[in-house]
Amino acid sequence: LIFNFNFDTEFQVESYLRHQGKAFV
């Protein structure tokens, strides 16, 4: 429950979308 306070991937949905985007490329 601790935020990193940066723009790295933190939320599960962020990780999922980035994975989908990279796989599509």
PDBML (XML) file of the C-alpha atoms, coordinates in Angstrom:
<?xml version="1.0" encoding="UTF-8" ?>
<PDBx:datablock datablockName="MODEL"
   xmlns:PDBx="http://pdbml.pdb.org/schema/pdbx-v50.xsd"
   xmlns:xsi="http://www.w3.org/2001/XMLSchema-instance"
   xsi:schemaLocation="http://pdbml.pdb.org/schema/pdbx-v50.xsd pdbx-v50.xsd">
   <PDBx:atom_siteCategory>
      <PDBx:atom_site id="1">
         <PDBx:B_iso_or_equiv>0.00</PDBx:B_iso_or_equiv>
         <PDBx:Cartn_x>0.000</PDBx:Cartn_x>
         <PDBx:Cartn_y>0.000</PDBx:Cartn_y>
         <PDBx:Cartn_z>0.000</PDBx:Cartn_z>
         <PDBx:auth_asym_id>A</PDBx:auth_asym_id>
         <PDBx:auth_atom_id>CA</PDBx:auth_atom_id>
         <PDBx:auth_comp_id>LEU</PDBx:auth_comp_id>
         <PDBx:auth_seq_id>1</PDBx:auth_seq_id>
         <PDBx:group_PDB>ATOM</PDBx:group_PDB>
         <PDBx:label_alt_id xsi:nil="true" />
         <PDBx:label_asym_id>A</PDBx:label_asym_id>
         <PDBx:label_atom_id>CA</PDBx:label_atom_id>
         <PDBx:label_comp_id>LEU</PDBx:label_comp_id>
         <PDBx:label_entity_id>1</PDBx:label_entity_id>
         <PDBx:label_seq_id>1</PDBx:label_seq_id>
         <PDBx:occupancy>1.00</PDBx:occupancy>
         <PDBx:pdbx_PDB_model_num>1</PDBx:pdbx_PDB_model_num>
         <PDBx:type_symbol>C</PDBx:type_symbol>
      </PDBx:atom_site>
      <PDBx:atom_site id="2">
         <PDBx:B_iso_or_equiv>0.00</PDBx:B_iso_or_equiv>
         <PDBx:Cartn_x>3.075</PDBx:Cartn_x>
         <PDBx:Cartn_y>2.214</PDBx:Cartn_y>
         <PDBx:Cartn_z>-0.143</PDBx:Cartn_z>
         <PDBx:auth_asym_id>A</PDBx:auth_asym_id>
         <PDBx:auth_atom_id>CA</PDBx:auth_atom_id>
         <PDBx:auth_comp_id>ILE</PDBx:auth_comp_id>
         <PDBx:auth_seq_id>2</PDBx:auth_seq_id>
         <PDBx:group_PDB>ATOM</PDBx:group_PDB>
         <PDBx:label_alt_id xsi:nil="true" />
         <PDBx:label_asym_id>A</PDBx:label_asym_id>
         <PDBx:label_atom_id>CA</PDBx:label_atom_id>
         <PDBx:label_comp_id>ILE</PDBx:label_comp_id>
         <PDBx:label_entity_id>1</PDBx:label_entity_id>
         <PDBx:label_seq_id>2</PDBx:label_seq_id>
         <PDBx:occupancy>1.00</PDBx:occupancy>
         <PDBx:pdbx_PDB_model_num>1</PDBx:pdbx_PDB_model_num>
         <PDBx:type_symbol>C</PDBx:type_symbol>
      </PDBx:atom_site>
      <PDBx:atom_site id="3">
         <PDBx:B_iso_or_equiv>0.00</PDBx:B_iso_or_equiv>
         <PDBx:Cartn_x>3.360</PDBx:Cartn_x>
         <PDBx:Cartn_y>4.567</PDBx:Cartn_y>
         <PDBx:Cartn_z>-3.131</PDBx:Cartn_z>
         <PDBx:auth_asym_id>A</PDBx:auth_asym_id>
         <PDBx:auth_atom_id>CA</PDBx:auth_atom_id>
         <PDBx:auth_comp_id>PHE</PDBx:auth_comp_id>
         <PDBx:auth_seq_id>3</PDBx:auth_seq_id>
         <PDBx:group_PDB>ATOM</PDBx:group_PDB>
         <PDBx:label_alt_id xsi:nil="true" />
         <PDBx:label_asym_id>A</PDBx:label_asym_id>
         <PDBx:label_atom_id>CA</PDBx:label_atom_id>
         <PDBx:label_comp_id>PHE</PDBx:label_comp_id>
         <PDBx:label_entity_id>1</PDBx:label_entity_id>
         <PDBx:label_seq_id>3</PDBx:label_seq_id>
         <PDBx:occupancy>1.00</PDBx:occupancy>
         <PDBx:pdbx_PDB_model_num>1</PDBx:pdbx_PDB_model_num>
         <PDBx:type_symbol>C</PDBx:type_symbol>
      </PDBx:atom_site>
      <PDBx:atom_site id="4">
         <PDBx:B_iso_or_equiv>0.00</PDBx:B_iso_or_equiv>
         <PDBx:Cartn_x>6.718</PDBx:Cartn_x>
         <PDBx:Cartn_y>5.125</PDBx:Cartn_y>
         <PDBx:Cartn_z>-4.827</PDBx:Cartn_z>
         <PDBx:auth_asym_id>A</PDBx:auth_asym_id>
         <PDBx:auth_atom_id>CA</PDBx:auth_atom_id>
         <PDBx:auth_comp_id>ASN</PDBx:auth_comp_id>
         <PDBx:auth_seq_id>4</PDBx:auth_seq_id>
         <PDBx:group_PDB>ATOM</PDBx:group_PDB>
         <PDBx:label_alt_id xsi:nil="true" />
         <PDBx:label_asym_id>A</PDBx:label_asym_id>
         <PDBx:label_atom_id>CA</PDBx:label_atom_id>
         <PDBx:label_comp_id>ASN</PDBx:label_comp_id>
         <PDBx:label_entity_id>1</PDBx:label_entity_id>
         <PDBx:label_seq_id>4</PDBx:label_seq_id>
         <PDBx:occupancy>1.00</PDBx:occupancy>
         <PDBx:pdbx_PDB_model_num>1</PDBx:pdbx_PDB_model_num>
         <PDBx:type_symbol>C</PDBx:type_symbol>
      </PDBx:atom_site>
      <PDBx:atom_site id="5">
         <PDBx:B_iso_or_equiv>0.00</PDBx:B_iso_or_equiv>
         <PDBx:Cartn_x>5.970</PDBx:Cartn_x>
         <PDBx:Cartn_y>8.758</PDBx:Cartn_y>
         <PDBx:Cartn_z>-5.671</PDBx:Cartn_z>
         <PDBx:auth_asym_id>A</PDBx:auth_asym_id>
         <PDBx:auth_atom_id>CA</PDBx:auth_atom_id>
         <PDBx:auth_comp_id>PHE</PDBx:auth_comp_id>
         <PDBx:auth_seq_id>5</PDBx:auth_seq_id>
         <PDBx:group_PDB>ATOM</PDBx:group_PDB>
         <PDBx:label_alt_id xsi:nil="true" />
         <PDBx:label_asym_id>A</PDBx:label_asym_id>
         <PDBx:label_atom_id>CA</PDBx:label_atom_id>
         <PDBx:label_comp_id>PHE</PDBx:label_comp_id>
         <PDBx:label_entity_id>1</PDBx:label_entity_id>
         <PDBx:label_seq_id>5</PDBx:label_seq_id>
         <PDBx:occupancy>1.00</PDBx:occupancy>
         <PDBx:pdbx_PDB_model_num>1</PDBx:pdbx_PDB_model_num>
         <PDBx:type_symbol>C</PDBx:type_symbol>
      </PDBx:atom_site>
      <PDBx:atom_site id="6">
         <PDBx:B_iso_or_equiv>0.00</PDBx:B_iso_or_equiv>
         <PDBx:Cartn_x>7.455</PDBx:Cartn_x>
         <PDBx:Cartn_y>8.452</PDBx:Cartn_y>
         <PDBx:Cartn_z>-9.171</PDBx:Cartn_z>
         <PDBx:auth_asym_id>A</PDBx:auth_asym_id>
         <PDBx:auth_atom_id>CA</PDBx:auth_atom_id>
         <PDBx:auth_comp_id>ASN</PDBx:auth_comp_id>
         <PDBx:auth_seq_id>6</PDBx:auth_seq_id>
         <PDBx:group_PDB>ATOM</PDBx:group_PDB>
         <PDBx:label_alt_id xsi:nil="true" />
         <PDBx:label_asym_id>A</PDBx:label_asym_id>
         <PDBx:label_atom_id>CA</PDBx:label_atom_id>
         <PDBx:label_comp_id>ASN</PDBx:label_comp_id>
         <PDBx:label_entity_id>1</PDBx:label_entity_id>
         <PDBx:label_seq_id>6</PDBx:label_seq_id>
         <PDBx:occupancy>1.00</PDBx:occupancy>
         <PDBx:pdbx_PDB_model_num>1</PDBx:pdbx_PDB_model_num>
         <PDBx:type_symbol>C</PDBx:type_symbol>
      </PDBx:atom_site>
      <PDBx:atom_site id="7">
         <PDBx:B_iso_or_equiv>0.00</PDBx:B_iso_or_equiv>
         <PDBx:Cartn_x>6.265</PDBx:Cartn_x>
         <PDBx:Cartn_y>7.501</PDBx:Cartn_y>
         <PDBx:Cartn_z>-12.662</PDBx:Cartn_z>
         <PDBx:auth_asym_id>A</PDBx:auth_asym_id>
         <PDBx:auth_atom_id>CA</PDBx:auth_atom_id>
         <PDBx:auth_comp_id>PHE</PDBx:auth_comp_id>
         <PDBx:auth_seq_id>7</PDBx:auth_seq_id>
         <PDBx:group_PDB>ATOM</PDBx:group_PDB>
         <PDBx:label_alt_id xsi:nil="true" />
         <PDBx:label_asym_id>A</PDBx:label_asym_id>
         <PDBx:label_atom_id>CA</PDBx:label_atom_id>
         <PDBx:label_comp_id>PHE</PDBx:label_comp_id>
         <PDBx:label_entity_id>1</PDBx:label_entity_id>
         <PDBx:label_seq_id>7</PDBx:label_seq_id>
         <PDBx:occupancy>1.00</PDBx:occupancy>
         <PDBx:pdbx_PDB_model_num>1</PDBx:pdbx_PDB_model_num>
         <PDBx:type_symbol>C</PDBx:type_symbol>
      </PDBx:atom_site>
      <PDBx:atom_site id="8">
         <PDBx:B_iso_or_equiv>0.00</PDBx:B_iso_or_equiv>
         <PDBx:Cartn_x>7.328</PDBx:Cartn_x>
         <PDBx:Cartn_y>3.859</PDBx:Cartn_y>
         <PDBx:Cartn_z>-12.646</PDBx:Cartn_z>
         <PDBx:auth_asym_id>A</PDBx:auth_asym_id>
         <PDBx:auth_atom_id>CA</PDBx:auth_atom_id>
         <PDBx:auth_comp_id>ASP</PDBx:auth_comp_id>
         <PDBx:auth_seq_id>8</PDBx:auth_seq_id>
         <PDBx:group_PDB>ATOM</PDBx:group_PDB>
         <PDBx:label_alt_id xsi:nil="true" />
         <PDBx:label_asym_id>A</PDBx:label_asym_id>
         <PDBx:label_atom_id>CA</PDBx:label_atom_id>
         <PDBx:label_comp_id>ASP</PDBx:label_comp_id>
         <PDBx:label_entity_id>1</PDBx:label_entity_id>
         <PDBx:label_seq_id>8</PDBx:label_seq_id>
         <PDBx:occupancy>1.00</PDBx:occupancy>
         <PDBx:pdbx_PDB_model_num>1</PDBx:pdbx_PDB_model_num>
         <PDBx:type_symbol>C</PDBx:type_symbol>
      </PDBx:atom_site>
      <PDBx:atom_site id="9">
         <PDBx:B_iso_or_equiv>0.00</PDBx:B_iso_or_equiv>
         <PDBx:Cartn_x>4.710</PDBx:Cartn_x>
         <PDBx:Cartn_y>1.141</PDBx:Cartn_y>
         <PDBx:Cartn_z>-13.025</PDBx:Cartn_z>
         <PDBx:auth_asym_id>A</PDBx:auth_asym_id>
         <PDBx:auth_atom_id>CA</PDBx:auth_atom_id>
         <PDBx:auth_comp_id>THR</PDBx:auth_comp_id>
         <PDBx:auth_seq_id>9</PDBx:auth_seq_id>
         <PDBx:group_PDB>ATOM</PDBx:group_PDB>
         <PDBx:label_alt_id xsi:nil="true" />
         <PDBx:label_asym_id>A</PDBx:label_asym_id>
         <PDBx:label_atom_id>CA</PDBx:label_atom_id>
         <PDBx:label_comp_id>THR</PDBx:label_comp_id>
         <PDBx:label_entity_id>1</PDBx:label_entity_id>
         <PDBx:label_seq_id>9</PDBx:label_seq_id>
         <PDBx:occupancy>1.00</PDBx:occupancy>
         <PDBx:pdbx_PDB_model_num>1</PDBx:pdbx_PDB_model_num>
         <PDBx:type_symbol>C</PDBx:type_symbol>
      </PDBx:atom_site>
      <PDBx:atom_site id="10">
         <PDBx:B_iso_or_equiv>0.00</PDBx:B_iso_or_equiv>
         <PDBx:Cartn_x>2.916</PDBx:Cartn_x>
         <PDBx:Cartn_y>0.842</PDBx:Cartn_y>
         <PDBx:Cartn_z>-9.681</PDBx:Cartn_z>
         <PDBx:auth_asym_id>A</PDBx:auth_asym_id>
         <PDBx:auth_atom_id>CA</PDBx:auth_atom_id>
         <PDBx:auth_comp_id>GLU</PDBx:auth_comp_id>
         <PDBx:auth_seq_id>10</PDBx:auth_seq_id>
         <PDBx:group_PDB>ATOM</PDBx:group_PDB>
         <PDBx:label_alt_id xsi:nil="true" />
         <PDBx:label_asym_id>A</PDBx:label_asym_id>
         <PDBx:label_atom_id>CA</PDBx:label_atom_id>
         <PDBx:label_comp_id>GLU</PDBx:label_comp_id>
         <PDBx:label_entity_id>1</PDBx:label_entity_id>
         <PDBx:label_seq_id>10</PDBx:label_seq_id>
         <PDBx:occupancy>1.00</PDBx:occupancy>
         <PDBx:pdbx_PDB_model_num>1</PDBx:pdbx_PDB_model_num>
         <PDBx:type_symbol>C</PDBx:type_symbol>
      </PDBx:atom_site>
      <PDBx:atom_site id="11">
         <PDBx:B_iso_or_equiv>0.00</PDBx:B_iso_or_equiv>
         <PDBx:Cartn_x>-0.683</PDBx:Cartn_x>
         <PDBx:Cartn_y>-0.245</PDBx:Cartn_y>
         <PDBx:Cartn_z>-10.263</PDBx:Cartn_z>
         <PDBx:auth_asym_id>A</PDBx:auth_asym_id>
         <PDBx:auth_atom_id>CA</PDBx:auth_atom_id>
         <PDBx:auth_comp_id>PHE</PDBx:auth_comp_id>
         <PDBx:auth_seq_id>11</PDBx:auth_seq_id>
         <PDBx:group_PDB>ATOM</PDBx:group_PDB>
         <PDBx:label_alt_id xsi:nil="true" />
         <PDBx:label_asym_id>A</PDBx:label_asym_id>
         <PDBx:label_atom_id>CA</PDBx:label_atom_id>
         <PDBx:label_comp_id>PHE</PDBx:label_comp_id>
         <PDBx:label_entity_id>1</PDBx:label_entity_id>
         <PDBx:label_seq_id>11</PDBx:label_seq_id>
         <PDBx:occupancy>1.00</PDBx:occupancy>
         <PDBx:pdbx_PDB_model_num>1</PDBx:pdbx_PDB_model_num>
         <PDBx:type_symbol>C</PDBx:type_symbol>
      </PDBx:atom_site>
      <PDBx:atom_site id="12">
         <PDBx:B_iso_or_equiv>0.00</PDBx:B_iso_or_equiv>
         <PDBx:Cartn_x>-1.532</PDBx:Cartn_x>
         <PDBx:Cartn_y>-3.678</PDBx:Cartn_y>
         <PDBx:Cartn_z>-11.604</PDBx:Cartn_z>
         <PDBx:auth_asym_id>A</PDBx:auth_asym_id>
         <PDBx:auth_atom_id>CA</PDBx:auth_atom_id>
         <PDBx:auth_comp_id>GLN</PDBx:auth_comp_id>
         <PDBx:auth_seq_id>12</PDBx:auth_seq_id>
         <PDBx:group_PDB>ATOM</PDBx:group_PDB>
         <PDBx:label_alt_id xsi:nil="true" />
         <PDBx:label_asym_id>A</PDBx:label_asym_id>
         <PDBx:label_atom_id>CA</PDBx:label_atom_id>
         <PDBx:label_comp_id>GLN</PDBx:label_comp_id>
         <PDBx:label_entity_id>1</PDBx:label_entity_id>
         <PDBx:label_seq_id>12</PDBx:label_seq_id>
         <PDBx:occupancy>1.00</PDBx:occupancy>
         <PDBx:pdbx_PDB_model_num>1</PDBx:pdbx_PDB_model_num>
         <PDBx:type_symbol>C</PDBx:type_symbol>
      </PDBx:atom_site>
      <PDBx:atom_site id="13">
         <PDBx:B_iso_or_equiv>0.00</PDBx:B_iso_or_equiv>
         <PDBx:Cartn_x>-3.583</PDBx:Cartn_x>
         <PDBx:Cartn_y>-2.138</PDBx:Cartn_y>
         <PDBx:Cartn_z>-14.403</PDBx:Cartn_z>
         <PDBx:auth_asym_id>A</PDBx:auth_asym_id>
         <PDBx:auth_atom_id>CA</PDBx:auth_atom_id>
         <PDBx:auth_comp_id>VAL</PDBx:auth_comp_id>
         <PDBx:auth_seq_id>13</PDBx:auth_seq_id>
         <PDBx:group_PDB>ATOM</PDBx:group_PDB>
         <PDBx:label_alt_id xsi:nil="true" />
         <PDBx:label_asym_id>A</PDBx:label_asym_id>
         <PDBx:label_atom_id>CA</PDBx:label_atom_id>
         <PDBx:label_comp_id>VAL</PDBx:label_comp_id>
         <PDBx:label_entity_id>1</PDBx:label_entity_id>
         <PDBx:label_seq_id>13</PDBx:label_seq_id>
         <PDBx:occupancy>1.00</PDBx:occupancy>
         <PDBx:pdbx_PDB_model_num>1</PDBx:pdbx_PDB_model_num>
         <PDBx:type_symbol>C</PDBx:type_symbol>
      </PDBx:atom_site>
      <PDBx:atom_site id="14">
         <PDBx:B_iso_or_equiv>0.00</PDBx:B_iso_or_equiv>
         <PDBx:Cartn_x>-0.566</PDBx:Cartn_x>
         <PDBx:Cartn_y>-0.069</PDBx:Cartn_y>
         <PDBx:Cartn_z>-15.510</PDBx:Cartn_z>
         <PDBx:auth_asym_id>A</PDBx:auth_asym_id>
         <PDBx:auth_atom_id>CA</PDBx:auth_atom_id>
         <PDBx:auth_comp_id>GLU</PDBx:auth_comp_id>
         <PDBx:auth_seq_id>14</PDBx:auth_seq_id>
         <PDBx:group_PDB>ATOM</PDBx:group_PDB>
         <PDBx:label_alt_id xsi:nil="true" />
         <PDBx:label_asym_id>A</PDBx:label_asym_id>
         <PDBx:label_atom_id>CA</PDBx:label_atom_id>
         <PDBx:label_comp_id>GLU</PDBx:label_comp_id>
         <PDBx:label_entity_id>1</PDBx:label_entity_id>
         <PDBx:label_seq_id>14</PDBx:label_seq_id>
         <PDBx:occupancy>1.00</PDBx:occupancy>
         <PDBx:pdbx_PDB_model_num>1</PDBx:pdbx_PDB_model_num>
         <PDBx:type_symbol>C</PDBx:type_symbol>
      </PDBx:atom_site>
      <PDBx:atom_site id="15">
         <PDBx:B_iso_or_equiv>0.00</PDBx:B_iso_or_equiv>
         <PDBx:Cartn_x>1.554</PDBx:Cartn_x>
         <PDBx:Cartn_y>-3.208</PDBx:Cartn_y>
         <PDBx:Cartn_z>-15.703</PDBx:Cartn_z>
         <PDBx:auth_asym_id>A</PDBx:auth_asym_id>
         <PDBx:auth_atom_id>CA</PDBx:auth_atom_id>
         <PDBx:auth_comp_id>SER</PDBx:auth_comp_id>
         <PDBx:auth_seq_id>15</PDBx:auth_seq_id>
         <PDBx:group_PDB>ATOM</PDBx:group_PDB>
         <PDBx:label_alt_id xsi:nil="true" />
         <PDBx:label_asym_id>A</PDBx:label_asym_id>
         <PDBx:label_atom_id>CA</PDBx:label_atom_id>
         <PDBx:label_comp_id>SER</PDBx:label_comp_id>
         <PDBx:label_entity_id>1</PDBx:label_entity_id>
         <PDBx:label_seq_id>15</PDBx:label_seq_id>
         <PDBx:occupancy>1.00</PDBx:occupancy>
         <PDBx:pdbx_PDB_model_num>1</PDBx:pdbx_PDB_model_num>
         <PDBx:type_symbol>C</PDBx:type_symbol>
      </PDBx:atom_site>
      <PDBx:atom_site id="16">
         <PDBx:B_iso_or_equiv>0.00</PDBx:B_iso_or_equiv>
         <PDBx:Cartn_x>-1.137</PDBx:Cartn_x>
         <PDBx:Cartn_y>-5.026</PDBx:Cartn_y>
         <PDBx:Cartn_z>-17.669</PDBx:Cartn_z>
         <PDBx:auth_asym_id>A</PDBx:auth_asym_id>
         <PDBx:auth_atom_id>CA</PDBx:auth_atom_id>
         <PDBx:auth_comp_id>TYR</PDBx:auth_comp_id>
         <PDBx:auth_seq_id>16</PDBx:auth_seq_id>
         <PDBx:group_PDB>ATOM</PDBx:group_PDB>
         <PDBx:label_alt_id xsi:nil="true" />
         <PDBx:label_asym_id>A</PDBx:label_asym_id>
         <PDBx:label_atom_id>CA</PDBx:label_atom_id>
         <PDBx:label_comp_id>TYR</PDBx:label_comp_id>
         <PDBx:label_entity_id>1</PDBx:label_entity_id>
         <PDBx:label_seq_id>16</PDBx:label_seq_id>
         <PDBx:occupancy>1.00</PDBx:occupancy>
         <PDBx:pdbx_PDB_model_num>1</PDBx:pdbx_PDB_model_num>
         <PDBx:type_symbol>C</PDBx:type_symbol>
      </PDBx:atom_site>
      <PDBx:atom_site id="17">
         <PDBx:B_iso_or_equiv>0.00</PDBx:B_iso_or_equiv>
         <PDBx:Cartn_x>-1.557</PDBx:Cartn_x>
         <PDBx:Cartn_y>-2.259</PDBx:Cartn_y>
         <PDBx:Cartn_z>-20.239</PDBx:Cartn_z>
         <PDBx:auth_asym_id>A</PDBx:auth_asym_id>
         <PDBx:auth_atom_id>CA</PDBx:auth_atom_id>
         <PDBx:auth_comp_id>LEU</PDBx:auth_comp_id>
         <PDBx:auth_seq_id>17</PDBx:auth_seq_id>
         <PDBx:group_PDB>ATOM</PDBx:group_PDB>
         <PDBx:label_alt_id xsi:nil="true" />
         <PDBx:label_asym_id>A</PDBx:label_asym_id>
         <PDBx:label_atom_id>CA</PDBx:label_atom_id>
         <PDBx:label_comp_id>LEU</PDBx:label_comp_id>
         <PDBx:label_entity_id>1</PDBx:label_entity_id>
         <PDBx:label_seq_id>17</PDBx:label_seq_id>
         <PDBx:occupancy>1.00</PDBx:occupancy>
         <PDBx:pdbx_PDB_model_num>1</PDBx:pdbx_PDB_model_num>
         <PDBx:type_symbol>C</PDBx:type_symbol>
      </PDBx:atom_site>
      <PDBx:atom_site id="18">
         <PDBx:B_iso_or_equiv>0.00</PDBx:B_iso_or_equiv>
         <PDBx:Cartn_x>2.180</PDBx:Cartn_x>
         <PDBx:Cartn_y>-1.886</PDBx:Cartn_y>
         <PDBx:Cartn_z>-20.762</PDBx:Cartn_z>
         <PDBx:auth_asym_id>A</PDBx:auth_asym_id>
         <PDBx:auth_atom_id>CA</PDBx:auth_atom_id>
         <PDBx:auth_comp_id>ARG</PDBx:auth_comp_id>
         <PDBx:auth_seq_id>18</PDBx:auth_seq_id>
         <PDBx:group_PDB>ATOM</PDBx:group_PDB>
         <PDBx:label_alt_id xsi:nil="true" />
         <PDBx:label_asym_id>A</PDBx:label_asym_id>
         <PDBx:label_atom_id>CA</PDBx:label_atom_id>
         <PDBx:label_comp_id>ARG</PDBx:label_comp_id>
         <PDBx:label_entity_id>1</PDBx:label_entity_id>
         <PDBx:label_seq_id>18</PDBx:label_seq_id>
         <PDBx:occupancy>1.00</PDBx:occupancy>
         <PDBx:pdbx_PDB_model_num>1</PDBx:pdbx_PDB_model_num>
         <PDBx:type_symbol>C</PDBx:type_symbol>
      </PDBx:atom_site>
      <PDBx:atom_site id="19">
         <PDBx:B_iso_or_equiv>0.00</PDBx:B_iso_or_equiv>
         <PDBx:Cartn_x>2.512</PDBx:Cartn_x>
         <PDBx:Cartn_y>-5.628</PDBx:Cartn_y>
         <PDBx:Cartn_z>-21.253</PDBx:Cartn_z>
         <PDBx:auth_asym_id>A</PDBx:auth_asym_id>
         <PDBx:auth_atom_id>CA</PDBx:auth_atom_id>
         <PDBx:auth_comp_id>HIS</PDBx:auth_comp_id>
         <PDBx:auth_seq_id>19</PDBx:auth_seq_id>
         <PDBx:group_PDB>ATOM</PDBx:group_PDB>
         <PDBx:label_alt_id xsi:nil="true" />
         <PDBx:label_asym_id>A</PDBx:label_asym_id>
         <PDBx:label_atom_id>CA</PDBx:label_atom_id>
         <PDBx:label_comp_id>HIS</PDBx:label_comp_id>
         <PDBx:label_entity_id>1</PDBx:label_entity_id>
         <PDBx:label_seq_id>19</PDBx:label_seq_id>
         <PDBx:occupancy>1.00</PDBx:occupancy>
         <PDBx:pdbx_PDB_model_num>1</PDBx:pdbx_PDB_model_num>
         <PDBx:type_symbol>C</PDBx:type_symbol>
      </PDBx:atom_site>
      <PDBx:atom_site id="20">
         <PDBx:B_iso_or_equiv>0.00</PDBx:B_iso_or_equiv>
         <PDBx:Cartn_x>-0.311</PDBx:Cartn_x>
         <PDBx:Cartn_y>-5.609</PDBx:Cartn_y>
         <PDBx:Cartn_z>-23.803</PDBx:Cartn_z>
         <PDBx:auth_asym_id>A</PDBx:auth_asym_id>
         <PDBx:auth_atom_id>CA</PDBx:auth_atom_id>
         <PDBx:auth_comp_id>GLN</PDBx:auth_comp_id>
         <PDBx:auth_seq_id>20</PDBx:auth_seq_id>
         <PDBx:group_PDB>ATOM</PDBx:group_PDB>
         <PDBx:label_alt_id xsi:nil="true" />
         <PDBx:label_asym_id>A</PDBx:label_asym_id>
         <PDBx:label_atom_id>CA</PDBx:label_atom_id>
         <PDBx:label_comp_id>GLN</PDBx:label_comp_id>
         <PDBx:label_entity_id>1</PDBx:label_entity_id>
         <PDBx:label_seq_id>20</PDBx:label_seq_id>
         <PDBx:occupancy>1.00</PDBx:occupancy>
         <PDBx:pdbx_PDB_model_num>1</PDBx:pdbx_PDB_model_num>
         <PDBx:type_symbol>C</PDBx:type_symbol>
      </PDBx:atom_site>
      <PDBx:atom_site id="21">
         <PDBx:B_iso_or_equiv>0.00</PDBx:B_iso_or_equiv>
         <PDBx:Cartn_x>1.255</PDBx:Cartn_x>
         <PDBx:Cartn_y>-2.686</PDBx:Cartn_y>
         <PDBx:Cartn_z>-25.642</PDBx:Cartn_z>
         <PDBx:auth_asym_id>A</PDBx:auth_asym_id>
         <PDBx:auth_atom_id>CA</PDBx:auth_atom_id>
         <PDBx:auth_comp_id>GLY</PDBx:auth_comp_id>
         <PDBx:auth_seq_id>21</PDBx:auth_seq_id>
         <PDBx:group_PDB>ATOM</PDBx:group_PDB>
         <PDBx:label_alt_id xsi:nil="true" />
         <PDBx:label_asym_id>A</PDBx:label_asym_id>
         <PDBx:label_atom_id>CA</PDBx:label_atom_id>
         <PDBx:label_comp_id>GLY</PDBx:label_comp_id>
         <PDBx:label_entity_id>1</PDBx:label_entity_id>
         <PDBx:label_seq_id>21</PDBx:label_seq_id>
         <PDBx:occupancy>1.00</PDBx:occupancy>
         <PDBx:pdbx_PDB_model_num>1</PDBx:pdbx_PDB_model_num>
         <PDBx:type_symbol>C</PDBx:type_symbol>
      </PDBx:atom_site>
      <PDBx:atom_site id="22">
         <PDBx:B_iso_or_equiv>0.00</PDBx:B_iso_or_equiv>
         <PDBx:Cartn_x>4.723</PDBx:Cartn_x>
         <PDBx:Cartn_y>-4.222</PDBx:Cartn_y>
         <PDBx:Cartn_z>-25.788</PDBx:Cartn_z>
         <PDBx:auth_asym_id>A</PDBx:auth_asym_id>
         <PDBx:auth_atom_id>CA</PDBx:auth_atom_id>
         <PDBx:auth_comp_id>LYS</PDBx:auth_comp_id>
         <PDBx:auth_seq_id>22</PDBx:auth_seq_id>
         <PDBx:group_PDB>ATOM</PDBx:group_PDB>
         <PDBx:label_alt_id xsi:nil="true" />
         <PDBx:label_asym_id>A</PDBx:label_asym_id>
         <PDBx:label_atom_id>CA</PDBx:label_atom_id>
         <PDBx:label_comp_id>LYS</PDBx:label_comp_id>
         <PDBx:label_entity_id>1</PDBx:label_entity_id>
         <PDBx:label_seq_id>22</PDBx:label_seq_id>
         <PDBx:occupancy>1.00</PDBx:occupancy>
         <PDBx:pdbx_PDB_model_num>1</PDBx:pdbx_PDB_model_num>
         <PDBx:type_symbol>C</PDBx:type_symbol>
      </PDBx:atom_site>
      <PDBx:atom_site id="23">
         <PDBx:B_iso_or_equiv>0.00</PDBx:B_iso_or_equiv>
         <PDBx:Cartn_x>3.413</PDBx:Cartn_x>
         <PDBx:Cartn_y>-7.607</PDBx:Cartn_y>
         <PDBx:Cartn_z>-26.925</PDBx:Cartn_z>
         <PDBx:auth_asym_id>A</PDBx:auth_asym_id>
         <PDBx:auth_atom_id>CA</PDBx:auth_atom_id>
         <PDBx:auth_comp_id>ALA</PDBx:auth_comp_id>
         <PDBx:auth_seq_id>23</PDBx:auth_seq_id>
         <PDBx:group_PDB>ATOM</PDBx:group_PDB>
         <PDBx:label_alt_id xsi:nil="true" />
         <PDBx:label_asym_id>A</PDBx:label_asym_id>
         <PDBx:label_atom_id>CA</PDBx:label_atom_id>
         <PDBx:label_comp_id>ALA</PDBx:label_comp_id>
         <PDBx:label_entity_id>1</PDBx:label_entity_id>
         <PDBx:label_seq_id>23</PDBx:label_seq_id>
         <PDBx:occupancy>1.00</PDBx:occupancy>
         <PDBx:pdbx_PDB_model_num>1</PDBx:pdbx_PDB_model_num>
         <PDBx:type_symbol>C</PDBx:type_symbol>
      </PDBx:atom_site>
      <PDBx:atom_site id="24">
         <PDBx:B_iso_or_equiv>0.00</PDBx:B_iso_or_equiv>
         <PDBx:Cartn_x>1.372</PDBx:Cartn_x>
         <PDBx:Cartn_y>-5.941</PDBx:Cartn_y>
         <PDBx:Cartn_z>-29.675</PDBx:Cartn_z>
         <PDBx:auth_asym_id>A</PDBx:auth_asym_id>
         <PDBx:auth_atom_id>CA</PDBx:auth_atom_id>
         <PDBx:auth_comp_id>PHE</PDBx:auth_comp_id>
         <PDBx:auth_seq_id>24</PDBx:auth_seq_id>
         <PDBx:group_PDB>ATOM</PDBx:group_PDB>
         <PDBx:label_alt_id xsi:nil="true" />
         <PDBx:label_asym_id>A</PDBx:label_asym_id>
         <PDBx:label_atom_id>CA</PDBx:label_atom_id>
         <PDBx:label_comp_id>PHE</PDBx:label_comp_id>
         <PDBx:label_entity_id>1</PDBx:label_entity_id>
         <PDBx:label_seq_id>24</PDBx:label_seq_id>
         <PDBx:occupancy>1.00</PDBx:occupancy>
         <PDBx:pdbx_PDB_model_num>1</PDBx:pdbx_PDB_model_num>
         <PDBx:type_symbol>C</PDBx:type_symbol>
      </PDBx:atom_site>
      <PDBx:atom_site id="25">
         <PDBx:B_iso_or_equiv>0.00</PDBx:B_iso_or_equiv>
         <PDBx:Cartn_x>4.397</PDBx:Cartn_x>
         <PDBx:Cartn_y>-4.095</PDBx:Cartn_y>
         <PDBx:Cartn_z>-31.069</PDBx:Cartn_z>
         <PDBx:auth_asym_id>A</PDBx:auth_asym_id>
         <PDBx:auth_atom_id>CA</PDBx:auth_atom_id>
         <PDBx:auth_comp_id>VAL</PDBx:auth_comp_id>
         <PDBx:auth_seq_id>25</PDBx:auth_seq_id>
         <PDBx:group_PDB>ATOM</PDBx:group_PDB>
         <PDBx:label_alt_id xsi:nil="true" />
         <PDBx:label_asym_id>A</PDBx:label_asym_id>
         <PDBx:label_atom_id>CA</PDBx:label_atom_id>
         <PDBx:label_comp_id>VAL</PDBx:label_comp_id>
         <PDBx:label_entity_id>1</PDBx:label_entity_id>
         <PDBx:label_seq_id>25</PDBx:label_seq_id>
         <PDBx:occupancy>1.00</PDBx:occupancy>
         <PDBx:pdbx_PDB_model_num>1</PDBx:pdbx_PDB_model_num>
         <PDBx:type_symbol>C</PDBx:type_symbol>
      </PDBx:atom_site>
   </PDBx:atom_siteCategory>
</PDBx:datablock>
